[in-house]
Amino acid sequence: MEQRIKSLIGFAQRAGKLAIGRSAVRATCLRHRCVVILVAHDASDKVIKLVKEMSDIPHHTVSDKQKLGEWVGRNEVAIIGVLDYDFAKSITKAVKNQG
């Protein structure tokens, strides 16, 4: 099922519907554009604090920083914001089916 999450994240990225990294996620959340947040289980305290600050936005813990980074073509990524309701719904469903 991790492959399904990876594919959906790839589609969302190509569609320009992701905010990648702490600064980008924070900015989109403050503009009320972020629908769901994906966090690596090994994220830093700063990232965890951001997720807690944005408590009104649903979030899911997925994989680790290395894999999240690979999924979006970067070295390591601790947090991703999904900016589209349809992608968010599909990714949430895949995450819940995973575990």
C-alpha atoms as a PDB file:
ATOM      1  CA  MET A   1       0.000   0.000   0.000  1.00  0.00           C
ATOM      2  CA  GLU A   2       3.021   2.284   0.433  1.00  0.00           C
ATOM      3  CA  GLN A   3       3.386   2.184  -3.352  1.00  0.00           C
ATOM      4  CA  ARG A   4      -0.146   3.607  -3.679  1.00  0.00           C
ATOM      5  CA  ILE A   5       0.724   6.517  -1.347  1.00  0.00           C
ATOM      6  CA  LYS A   6       3.925   7.158  -3.307  1.00  0.00           C
ATOM      7  CA  SER A   7       2.001   7.202  -6.601  1.00  0.00           C
ATOM      8  CA  LEU A   8      -0.649   9.579  -5.290  1.00  0.00           C
ATOM      9  CA  ILE A   9       1.995  11.936  -3.913  1.00  0.00           C
ATOM     10  CA  GLY A  10       3.722  11.851  -7.309  1.00  0.00           C
ATOM     11  CA  PHE A  11       0.490  12.727  -9.123  1.00  0.00           C
ATOM     12  CA  ALA A  12      -0.229  15.548  -6.666  1.00  0.00           C
ATOM     13  CA  GLN A  13       3.284  16.915  -7.088  1.00  0.00           C
ATOM     14  CA  ARG A  14       3.044  16.918 -10.888  1.00  0.00           C
ATOM     15  CA  ALA A  15      -0.281  18.728 -10.567  1.00  0.00           C
ATOM     16  CA  GLY A  16       1.335  21.370  -8.349  1.00  0.00           C
ATOM     17  CA  LYS A  17      -0.829  20.429  -5.364  1.00  0.00           C
ATOM     18  CA  LEU A  18       1.877  19.874  -2.722  1.00  0.00           C
ATOM     19  CA  ALA A  19       3.709  22.113  -0.286  1.00  0.00           C
ATOM     20  CA  ILE A  20       7.031  20.472   0.535  1.00  0.00           C
ATOM     21  CA  GLY A  21       9.047  21.309   3.642  1.00  0.00           C
ATOM     22  CA  ARG A  22       8.311  23.102   6.891  1.00  0.00           C
ATOM     23  CA  SER A  23       8.309  26.677   5.533  1.00  0.00           C
ATOM     24  CA  ALA A  24       6.105  25.884   2.532  1.00  0.00           C
ATOM     25  CA  VAL A  25       3.641  23.881   4.622  1.00  0.00           C
ATOM     26  CA  ARG A  26       3.442  26.604   7.258  1.00  0.00           C
ATOM     27  CA  ALA A  27       2.790  29.282   4.614  1.00  0.00           C
ATOM     28  CA  THR A  28       0.054  27.295   2.860  1.00  0.00           C
ATOM     29  CA  CYS A  29      -1.589  26.346   6.155  1.00  0.00           C
ATOM     30  CA  LEU A  30      -1.686  29.978   7.248  1.00  0.00           C
ATOM     31  CA  ARG A  31      -3.372  30.851   3.931  1.00  0.00           C
ATOM     32  CA  HIS A  32      -5.915  28.069   4.585  1.00  0.00           C
ATOM     33  CA  ARG A  33      -4.874  26.150   1.457  1.00  0.00           C
ATOM     34  CA  CYS A  34      -3.567  23.013   3.132  1.00  0.00           C
ATOM     35  CA  VAL A  35      -6.086  20.139   3.300  1.00  0.00           C
ATOM     36  CA  VAL A  36      -4.009  17.414   4.959  1.00  0.00           C
ATOM     37  CA  ILE A  37      -0.457  17.174   6.311  1.00  0.00           C
ATOM     38  CA  LEU A  38       1.836  14.162   5.890  1.00  0.00           C
ATOM     39  CA  VAL A  39       4.635  13.873   8.450  1.00  0.00           C
ATOM     40  CA  ALA A  40       7.639  11.545   8.587  1.00  0.00           C
ATOM     41  CA  HIS A  41       7.806   9.451  11.765  1.00  0.00           C
ATOM     42  CA  ASP A  42      11.363  10.704  12.323  1.00  0.00           C
ATOM     43  CA  ALA A  43      10.527  14.408  11.892  1.00  0.00           C
ATOM     44  CA  SER A  44      12.283  17.016  14.027  1.00  0.00           C
ATOM     45  CA  ASP A  45      10.796  18.727  17.063  1.00  0.00           C
ATOM     46  CA  LYS A  46      10.263  21.892  14.986  1.00  0.00           C
ATOM     47  CA  VAL A  47       8.142  19.971  12.493  1.00  0.00           C
ATOM     48  CA  ILE A  48       6.158  18.267  15.262  1.00  0.00           C
ATOM     49  CA  LYS A  49       5.570  21.695  16.838  1.00  0.00           C
ATOM     50  CA  LEU A  50       4.259  23.013  13.503  1.00  0.00           C
ATOM     51  CA  VAL A  51       1.846  20.080  13.204  1.00  0.00           C
ATOM     52  CA  LYS A  52       0.571  20.791  16.714  1.00  0.00           C
ATOM     53  CA  GLU A  53       0.130  24.496  15.860  1.00  0.00           C
ATOM     54  CA  MET A  54      -1.952  23.497  12.831  1.00  0.00           C
ATOM     55  CA  SER A  55      -4.141  21.156  14.885  1.00  0.00           C
ATOM     56  CA  ASP A  56      -7.257  22.017  12.881  1.00  0.00           C
ATOM     57  CA  ILE A  57      -5.709  20.380   9.789  1.00  0.00           C
ATOM     58  CA  PRO A  58      -5.780  16.562   9.672  1.00  0.00           C
ATOM     59  CA  HIS A  59      -2.373  14.911   9.610  1.00  0.00           C
ATOM     60  CA  HIS A  60      -0.972  11.427   9.070  1.00  0.00           C
ATOM     61  CA  THR A  61       2.396   9.932   9.898  1.00  0.00           C
ATOM     62  CA  VAL A  62       3.863   8.173   6.883  1.00  0.00           C
ATOM     63  CA  SER A  63       7.227   6.502   6.349  1.00  0.00           C
ATOM     64  CA  ASP A  64      10.466   8.324   7.172  1.00  0.00           C
ATOM     65  CA  LYS A  65      12.224  11.473   5.940  1.00  0.00           C
ATOM     66  CA  GLN A  66      14.390   9.574   3.483  1.00  0.00           C
ATOM     67  CA  LYS A  67      11.457   7.866   1.740  1.00  0.00           C
ATOM     68  CA  LEU A  68       9.291  10.997   1.703  1.00  0.00           C
ATOM     69  CA  GLY A  69      12.217  12.789   0.108  1.00  0.00           C
ATOM     70  CA  GLU A  70      12.648  10.085  -2.512  1.00  0.00           C
ATOM     71  CA  TRP A  71       8.937  10.258  -3.331  1.00  0.00           C
ATOM     72  CA  VAL A  72       9.211  13.962  -4.205  1.00  0.00           C
ATOM     73  CA  GLY A  73      12.714  13.911  -5.710  1.00  0.00           C
ATOM     74  CA  ARG A  74      14.631  15.378  -2.773  1.00  0.00           C
ATOM     75  CA  ASN A  75      17.116  14.063  -0.222  1.00  0.00           C
ATOM     76  CA  GLU A  76      15.001  14.191   2.920  1.00  0.00           C
ATOM     77  CA  VAL A  77      11.573  15.685   3.542  1.00  0.00           C
ATOM     78  CA  ALA A  78       9.908  15.659   6.958  1.00  0.00           C
ATOM     79  CA  ILE A  79       6.561  17.272   6.088  1.00  0.00           C
ATOM     80  CA  ILE A  80       4.310  17.604   3.055  1.00  0.00           C
ATOM     81  CA  GLY A  81       1.082  19.548   2.756  1.00  0.00           C
ATOM     82  CA  VAL A  82      -1.564  18.371   0.298  1.00  0.00           C
ATOM     83  CA  LEU A  83      -3.423  21.308  -1.249  1.00  0.00           C
ATOM     84  CA  ASP A  84      -6.212  19.534  -3.122  1.00  0.00           C
ATOM     85  CA  TYR A  85      -9.291  17.887  -1.581  1.00  0.00           C
ATOM     86  CA  ASP A  86      -9.431  14.976  -4.037  1.00  0.00           C
ATOM     87  CA  PHE A  87      -5.741  14.118  -3.614  1.00  0.00           C
ATOM     88  CA  ALA A  88      -6.047  14.528   0.156  1.00  0.00           C
ATOM     89  CA  LYS A  89      -9.043  12.185   0.238  1.00  0.00           C
ATOM     90  CA  SER A  90      -7.259   9.523  -1.845  1.00  0.00           C
ATOM     91  CA  ILE A  91      -4.016   9.770   0.135  1.00  0.00           C
ATOM     92  CA  THR A  92      -5.888   9.617   3.453  1.00  0.00           C
ATOM     93  CA  LYS A  93      -7.731   6.505   2.282  1.00  0.00           C
ATOM     94  CA  ALA A  94      -4.446   4.865   1.218  1.00  0.00           C
ATOM     95  CA  VAL A  95      -2.789   5.749   4.545  1.00  0.00           C
ATOM     96  CA  LYS A  96      -5.687   4.301   6.528  1.00  0.00           C
ATOM     97  CA  ASN A  97      -5.690   1.112   4.431  1.00  0.00           C
ATOM     98  CA  GLN A  98      -1.947   0.752   5.005  1.00  0.00           C
ATOM     99  CA  GLY A  99      -2.084   0.269   8.718  1.00  0.00           C
END
